[in-house]
Amino acid sequence: MWHKRSVKPELDFKKNIPDCSDEQLIEILKLRKHYQPEAAKLAVQEAIRRKIIYSEQDLMAEEFRCEELHFSFFPRIKRQENRVKIRRSIARSLVLCGVLPLVFGFMEIKAEKLPEGLLILLFGVFWMISSAQLVKAYHQLFVKSLMIGAVTALVFISYHILSMSSFSLMDIFLLLAITGFIFYGLLFLQKMHQK
C-alpha cells in the first residue's frame, strides 16, 4: 500500500484512496501514522468528504486512535475474505505435503515391506483428505487431526532416520524445517480462527 516503508513511486495513492470502501478508509485512518504523510492527509480529506468524520478533530476520538503495529508470529487478519484466502493457501500446501507419505509408502511396498508401506499410504491419504477439507472450510477437528498426524509422522521419521546406519545433519535439518513449516501453518490456522 502506501506505508512509509514503501519505496515504489508507481503506487498512486491519489488514485487509489478515493476508490477505497468506507471500511478500508477507516482502517487507513486508524493506521495513519504508519502511512506516507501525503497518503494519510488524502485519506483524512476523503473521510471528511464522505462525512465519515467532519474535521481532523474527530480523529481524536477513541475509534480513530492510531493503532500501534506490533510484531507477532501470527499476524492478525481482520478481513474475513483475507482469512479465507490464507486458510485455503495453507490448506493447499498441506495437501501437497501429503504427496510425500504416498511416495514413501509406494517405495516401501516396492521394497516388499507391505504392512509398513500400506500404513504410510493410509496416512498419506488421511493427510490429504483432512487438508482438502480445510480448503473447503475451517473446522477445528481437521486442524487437530493434522496436528496429531504431524506429531506421529515426526516421531516415525525421527525413529527411521536415527535407526539408519548413517545419517547426515542435513537429514535432521530437512526434517525439522519441513515439520516446522507444517506446525507453523497449522498453529496459524488455529490462531486465525480463535476470534
C-alpha atoms as a PDB file:
ATOM      1  CA  MET A   1       0.000   0.000   0.000  1.00  0.00           C
ATOM      2  CA  TRP A   2       1.265   3.452   0.817  1.00  0.00           C
ATOM      3  CA  HIS A   3       3.132   2.766   4.042  1.00  0.00           C
ATOM      4  CA  LYS A   4       6.173   4.844   4.982  1.00  0.00           C
ATOM      5  CA  ARG A   5       8.397   1.856   4.238  1.00  0.00           C
ATOM      6  CA  SER A   6       7.184   1.763   0.659  1.00  0.00           C
ATOM      7  CA  VAL A   7       9.734   2.819  -1.920  1.00  0.00           C
ATOM      8  CA  LYS A   8       7.621   2.173  -5.002  1.00  0.00           C
ATOM      9  CA  PRO A   9       6.774   5.544  -6.556  1.00  0.00           C
ATOM     10  CA  GLU A  10       4.413   3.896  -9.066  1.00  0.00           C
ATOM     11  CA  LEU A  11       1.796   3.360  -6.343  1.00  0.00           C
ATOM     12  CA  ASP A  12      -0.595   6.220  -6.934  1.00  0.00           C
ATOM     13  CA  PHE A  13      -2.430   6.742  -3.657  1.00  0.00           C
ATOM     14  CA  LYS A  14      -4.164   9.818  -5.122  1.00  0.00           C
ATOM     15  CA  LYS A  15      -5.985   7.461  -7.449  1.00  0.00           C
ATOM     16  CA  ASN A  16      -6.426   4.526  -5.042  1.00  0.00           C
ATOM     17  CA  ILE A  17      -7.607   6.191  -1.822  1.00  0.00           C
ATOM     18  CA  PRO A  18     -10.798   7.615  -3.372  1.00  0.00           C
ATOM     19  CA  ASP A  19     -11.603   4.072  -4.578  1.00  0.00           C
ATOM     20  CA  CYS A  20     -11.361   2.608  -1.052  1.00  0.00           C
ATOM     21  CA  SER A  21     -14.506   1.468   0.698  1.00  0.00           C
ATOM     22  CA  ASP A  22     -15.561   3.260   3.899  1.00  0.00           C
ATOM     23  CA  GLU A  23     -14.274   0.279   5.908  1.00  0.00           C
ATOM     24  CA  GLN A  24     -10.871   0.452   4.213  1.00  0.00           C
ATOM     25  CA  LEU A  25     -10.724   4.208   4.718  1.00  0.00           C
ATOM     26  CA  ILE A  26     -11.427   3.820   8.439  1.00  0.00           C
ATOM     27  CA  GLU A  27      -8.592   1.268   8.668  1.00  0.00           C
ATOM     28  CA  ILE A  28      -6.257   3.747   6.949  1.00  0.00           C
ATOM     29  CA  LEU A  29      -7.297   6.434   9.433  1.00  0.00           C
ATOM     30  CA  LYS A  30      -6.557   4.099  12.351  1.00  0.00           C
ATOM     31  CA  LEU A  31      -3.087   3.404  10.943  1.00  0.00           C
ATOM     32  CA  ARG A  32      -2.460   6.900   9.518  1.00  0.00           C
ATOM     33  CA  LYS A  33       0.851   7.395  11.353  1.00  0.00           C
ATOM     34  CA  HIS A  34       2.234   4.376   9.500  1.00  0.00           C
ATOM     35  CA  TYR A  35       1.445   5.806   6.051  1.00  0.00           C
ATOM     36  CA  GLN A  36       3.259   8.391   3.994  1.00  0.00           C
ATOM     37  CA  PRO A  37       2.130  11.859   5.187  1.00  0.00           C
ATOM     38  CA  GLU A  38       0.585  12.707   1.791  1.00  0.00           C
ATOM     39  CA  ALA A  39      -1.428   9.477   1.747  1.00  0.00           C
ATOM     40  CA  ALA A  40      -2.631   9.979   5.328  1.00  0.00           C
ATOM     41  CA  LYS A  41      -3.657  13.573   4.557  1.00  0.00           C
ATOM     42  CA  LEU A  42      -5.563  12.472   1.463  1.00  0.00           C
ATOM     43  CA  ALA A  43      -7.324   9.746   3.478  1.00  0.00           C
ATOM     44  CA  VAL A  44      -8.414  12.341   6.059  1.00  0.00           C
ATOM     45  CA  GLN A  45      -9.719  14.648   3.305  1.00  0.00           C
ATOM     46  CA  GLU A  46     -11.595  11.761   1.681  1.00  0.00           C
ATOM     47  CA  ALA A  47     -13.122  10.766   5.041  1.00  0.00           C
ATOM     48  CA  ILE A  48     -14.302  14.368   5.566  1.00  0.00           C
ATOM     49  CA  ARG A  49     -15.728  14.463   2.034  1.00  0.00           C
ATOM     50  CA  ARG A  50     -17.685  11.233   2.705  1.00  0.00           C
ATOM     51  CA  LYS A  51     -18.779  12.511   6.130  1.00  0.00           C
ATOM     52  CA  ILE A  52     -17.132   9.613   7.952  1.00  0.00           C
ATOM     53  CA  ILE A  53     -15.552  12.382  10.037  1.00  0.00           C
ATOM     54  CA  TYR A  54     -16.406  16.074   9.996  1.00  0.00           C
ATOM     55  CA  SER A  55     -12.990  17.542  10.781  1.00  0.00           C
ATOM     56  CA  GLU A  56      -9.484  16.463  11.740  1.00  0.00           C
ATOM     57  CA  GLN A  57     -10.514  16.975  15.378  1.00  0.00           C
ATOM     58  CA  ASP A  58     -12.725  13.877  15.047  1.00  0.00           C
ATOM     59  CA  LEU A  59      -9.533  11.814  14.730  1.00  0.00           C
ATOM     60  CA  MET A  60      -9.004  12.384  18.461  1.00  0.00           C
ATOM     61  CA  ALA A  61     -11.981  10.101  19.164  1.00  0.00           C
ATOM     62  CA  GLU A  62     -11.256   6.651  20.601  1.00  0.00           C
ATOM     63  CA  GLU A  63     -12.453   4.845  17.471  1.00  0.00           C
ATOM     64  CA  PHE A  64      -9.821   6.628  15.333  1.00  0.00           C
ATOM     65  CA  ARG A  65      -6.952   6.388  17.798  1.00  0.00           C
ATOM     66  CA  CYS A  66      -3.856   5.397  15.850  1.00  0.00           C
ATOM     67  CA  GLU A  67      -3.111   1.717  16.353  1.00  0.00           C
ATOM     68  CA  GLU A  68       0.423   0.614  17.095  1.00  0.00           C
ATOM     69  CA  LEU A  69       1.876  -2.105  14.926  1.00  0.00           C
ATOM     70  CA  HIS A  70       3.266  -4.966  16.995  1.00  0.00           C
ATOM     71  CA  PHE A  71       5.434  -7.865  15.902  1.00  0.00           C
ATOM     72  CA  SER A  72       3.655 -11.181  16.021  1.00  0.00           C
ATOM     73  CA  PHE A  73       4.496 -14.664  14.811  1.00  0.00           C
ATOM     74  CA  PHE A  74       0.841 -14.945  13.852  1.00  0.00           C
ATOM     75  CA  PRO A  75      -0.362 -11.712  12.211  1.00  0.00           C
ATOM     76  CA  ARG A  76      -3.910 -10.610  12.977  1.00  0.00           C
ATOM     77  CA  ILE A  77      -6.028 -10.822   9.828  1.00  0.00           C
ATOM     78  CA  LYS A  78      -9.030  -8.535  10.187  1.00  0.00           C
ATOM     79  CA  ARG A  79     -10.923  -9.048   6.936  1.00  0.00           C
ATOM     80  CA  GLN A  80     -12.824 -12.321   6.587  1.00  0.00           C
ATOM     81  CA  GLU A  81     -12.135 -12.607   2.854  1.00  0.00           C
ATOM     82  CA  ASN A  82      -8.386 -12.446   3.539  1.00  0.00           C
ATOM     83  CA  ARG A  83      -8.715 -15.109   6.231  1.00  0.00           C
ATOM     84  CA  VAL A  84     -10.428 -17.402   3.745  1.00  0.00           C
ATOM     85  CA  LYS A  85      -7.697 -16.852   1.133  1.00  0.00           C
ATOM     86  CA  ILE A  86      -4.925 -17.527   3.645  1.00  0.00           C
ATOM     87  CA  ARG A  87      -6.692 -20.626   5.013  1.00  0.00           C
ATOM     88  CA  ARG A  88      -7.099 -22.041   1.517  1.00  0.00           C
ATOM     89  CA  SER A  89      -3.485 -21.291   0.639  1.00  0.00           C
ATOM     90  CA  ILE A  90      -2.136 -23.012   3.763  1.00  0.00           C
ATOM     91  CA  ALA A  91      -4.502 -25.954   3.278  1.00  0.00           C
ATOM     92  CA  ARG A  92      -3.392 -26.424  -0.353  1.00  0.00           C
ATOM     93  CA  SER A  93       0.225 -26.505   0.844  1.00  0.00           C
ATOM     94  CA  LEU A  94      -0.733 -29.149   3.395  1.00  0.00           C
ATOM     95  CA  VAL A  95      -2.409 -31.213   0.669  1.00  0.00           C
ATOM     96  CA  LEU A  96       0.858 -31.144  -1.278  1.00  0.00           C
ATOM     97  CA  CYS A  97       2.725 -32.325   1.828  1.00  0.00           C
ATOM     98  CA  GLY A  98       0.547 -35.446   1.687  1.00  0.00           C
ATOM     99  CA  VAL A  99       2.318 -36.498  -1.506  1.00  0.00           C
ATOM    100  CA  LEU A 100       5.482 -37.315   0.486  1.00  0.00           C
ATOM    101  CA  PRO A 101       3.986 -40.194   2.526  1.00  0.00           C
ATOM    102  CA  LEU A 102       2.251 -41.514  -0.596  1.00  0.00           C
ATOM    103  CA  VAL A 103       5.551 -41.738  -2.472  1.00  0.00           C
ATOM    104  CA  PHE A 104       7.349 -43.186   0.558  1.00  0.00           C
ATOM    105  CA  GLY A 105       4.553 -45.718   1.069  1.00  0.00           C
ATOM    106  CA  PHE A 106       4.818 -46.902  -2.538  1.00  0.00           C
ATOM    107  CA  MET A 107       8.601 -47.185  -2.140  1.00  0.00           C
ATOM    108  CA  GLU A 108       8.165 -49.311   0.990  1.00  0.00           C
ATOM    109  CA  ILE A 109       5.663 -51.571  -0.789  1.00  0.00           C
ATOM    110  CA  LYS A 110       8.069 -51.936  -3.714  1.00  0.00           C
ATOM    111  CA  ALA A 111      10.817 -52.861  -1.204  1.00  0.00           C
ATOM    112  CA  GLU A 112       8.461 -55.654  -0.033  1.00  0.00           C
ATOM    113  CA  LYS A 113       7.625 -54.016   3.293  1.00  0.00           C
ATOM    114  CA  LEU A 114       3.882 -54.382   2.715  1.00  0.00           C
ATOM    115  CA  PRO A 115       2.417 -53.644   6.203  1.00  0.00           C
ATOM    116  CA  GLU A 116       4.601 -50.578   6.784  1.00  0.00           C
ATOM    117  CA  GLY A 117       4.040 -49.335   3.210  1.00  0.00           C
ATOM    118  CA  LEU A 118       0.255 -49.690   3.498  1.00  0.00           C
ATOM    119  CA  LEU A 119       0.194 -47.825   6.832  1.00  0.00           C
ATOM    120  CA  ILE A 120       2.237 -44.985   5.344  1.00  0.00           C
ATOM    121  CA  LEU A 121      -0.047 -44.901   2.275  1.00  0.00           C
ATOM    122  CA  LEU A 122      -3.140 -44.751   4.508  1.00  0.00           C
ATOM    123  CA  PHE A 123      -1.535 -41.946   6.491  1.00  0.00           C
ATOM    124  CA  GLY A 124      -0.882 -40.023   3.255  1.00  0.00           C
ATOM    125  CA  VAL A 125      -4.492 -40.465   2.134  1.00  0.00           C
ATOM    126  CA  PHE A 126      -5.779 -39.385   5.581  1.00  0.00           C
ATOM    127  CA  TRP A 127      -3.492 -36.338   5.476  1.00  0.00           C
ATOM    128  CA  MET A 128      -4.606 -35.281   2.002  1.00  0.00           C
ATOM    129  CA  ILE A 129      -8.323 -35.737   2.773  1.00  0.00           C
ATOM    130  CA  SER A 130      -8.076 -33.753   6.028  1.00  0.00           C
ATOM    131  CA  SER A 131      -6.125 -30.983   4.294  1.00  0.00           C
ATOM    132  CA  ALA A 132      -8.589 -30.911   1.377  1.00  0.00           C
ATOM    133  CA  GLN A 133     -11.426 -30.439   3.861  1.00  0.00           C
ATOM    134  CA  LEU A 134      -9.615 -27.375   5.206  1.00  0.00           C
ATOM    135  CA  VAL A 135      -9.534 -25.953   1.676  1.00  0.00           C
ATOM    136  CA  LYS A 136     -13.343 -26.082   1.673  1.00  0.00           C
ATOM    137  CA  ALA A 137     -13.974 -24.766   5.197  1.00  0.00           C
ATOM    138  CA  TYR A 138     -12.223 -24.367   8.530  1.00  0.00           C
ATOM    139  CA  HIS A 139     -13.023 -26.941  11.161  1.00  0.00           C
ATOM    140  CA  GLN A 140     -11.010 -27.386  14.342  1.00  0.00           C
ATOM    141  CA  LEU A 141     -11.342 -31.189  14.108  1.00  0.00           C
ATOM    142  CA  PHE A 142      -9.288 -31.255  10.888  1.00  0.00           C
ATOM    143  CA  VAL A 143      -6.601 -28.973  12.318  1.00  0.00           C
ATOM    144  CA  LYS A 144      -6.282 -31.115  15.456  1.00  0.00           C
ATOM    145  CA  SER A 145      -6.237 -34.307  13.369  1.00  0.00           C
ATOM    146  CA  LEU A 146      -3.440 -32.892  11.236  1.00  0.00           C
ATOM    147  CA  MET A 147      -1.531 -31.819  14.366  1.00  0.00           C
ATOM    148  CA  ILE A 148      -1.730 -35.348  15.747  1.00  0.00           C
ATOM    149  CA  GLY A 149      -0.733 -36.702  12.344  1.00  0.00           C
ATOM    150  CA  ALA A 150       2.243 -34.332  12.145  1.00  0.00           C
ATOM    151  CA  VAL A 151       3.469 -35.358  15.619  1.00  0.00           C
ATOM    152  CA  THR A 152       3.058 -39.027  14.697  1.00  0.00           C
ATOM    153  CA  ALA A 153       4.949 -38.514  11.425  1.00  0.00           C
ATOM    154  CA  LEU A 154       7.716 -36.590  13.223  1.00  0.00           C
ATOM    155  CA  VAL A 155       8.207 -39.429  15.729  1.00  0.00           C
ATOM    156  CA  PHE A 156       8.119 -42.091  12.987  1.00  0.00           C
ATOM    157  CA  ILE A 157      10.556 -40.277  10.685  1.00  0.00           C
ATOM    158  CA  SER A 158      12.900 -39.402  13.576  1.00  0.00           C
ATOM    159  CA  TYR A 159      12.993 -43.060  14.614  1.00  0.00           C
ATOM    160  CA  HIS A 160      13.525 -44.103  10.983  1.00  0.00           C
ATOM    161  CA  ILE A 161      16.418 -41.621  10.489  1.00  0.00           C
ATOM    162  CA  LEU A 162      18.095 -42.462  13.806  1.00  0.00           C
ATOM    163  CA  SER A 163      17.880 -46.208  13.142  1.00  0.00           C
ATOM    164  CA  MET A 164      19.784 -45.854   9.853  1.00  0.00           C
ATOM    165  CA  SER A 165      23.427 -46.853   9.948  1.00  0.00           C
ATOM    166  CA  SER A 166      24.481 -43.459   8.643  1.00  0.00           C
ATOM    167  CA  PHE A 167      22.591 -40.201   8.511  1.00  0.00           C
ATOM    168  CA  SER A 168      23.660 -36.640   7.941  1.00  0.00           C
ATOM    169  CA  LEU A 169      22.836 -33.430   9.722  1.00  0.00           C
ATOM    170  CA  MET A 170      21.047 -32.364   6.517  1.00  0.00           C
ATOM    171  CA  ASP A 171      18.514 -35.180   7.065  1.00  0.00           C
ATOM    172  CA  ILE A 172      17.726 -33.829  10.519  1.00  0.00           C
ATOM    173  CA  PHE A 173      17.670 -30.216   9.285  1.00  0.00           C
ATOM    174  CA  LEU A 174      15.199 -31.055   6.485  1.00  0.00           C
ATOM    175  CA  LEU A 175      13.002 -32.989   8.901  1.00  0.00           C
ATOM    176  CA  LEU A 176      12.925 -30.075  11.363  1.00  0.00           C
ATOM    177  CA  ALA A 177      12.408 -27.457   8.622  1.00  0.00           C
ATOM    178  CA  ILE A 178       9.507 -29.267   6.957  1.00  0.00           C
ATOM    179  CA  THR A 179       7.754 -30.133  10.220  1.00  0.00           C
ATOM    180  CA  GLY A 180       8.405 -26.590  11.481  1.00  0.00           C
ATOM    181  CA  PHE A 181       6.606 -25.116   8.467  1.00  0.00           C
ATOM    182  CA  ILE A 182       3.742 -27.603   8.839  1.00  0.00           C
ATOM    183  CA  PHE A 183       3.296 -26.833  12.551  1.00  0.00           C
ATOM    184  CA  TYR A 184       3.501 -23.090  11.898  1.00  0.00           C
ATOM    185  CA  GLY A 185       0.780 -23.344   9.241  1.00  0.00           C
ATOM    186  CA  LEU A 186      -1.473 -25.406  11.494  1.00  0.00           C
ATOM    187  CA  LEU A 187      -0.942 -23.123  14.505  1.00  0.00           C
ATOM    188  CA  PHE A 188      -1.579 -20.078  12.319  1.00  0.00           C
ATOM    189  CA  LEU A 189      -4.868 -21.587  11.109  1.00  0.00           C
ATOM    190  CA  GLN A 190      -5.899 -22.290  14.687  1.00  0.00           C
ATOM    191  CA  LYS A 191      -4.902 -18.815  15.928  1.00  0.00           C
ATOM    192  CA  MET A 192      -6.607 -17.089  12.993  1.00  0.00           C
ATOM    193  CA  HIS A 193      -9.952 -18.724  13.799  1.00  0.00           C
ATOM    194  CA  GLN A 194      -9.920 -18.170  17.574  1.00  0.00           C
ATOM    195  CA  LYS A 195     -11.626 -14.772  17.134  1.00  0.00           C
END
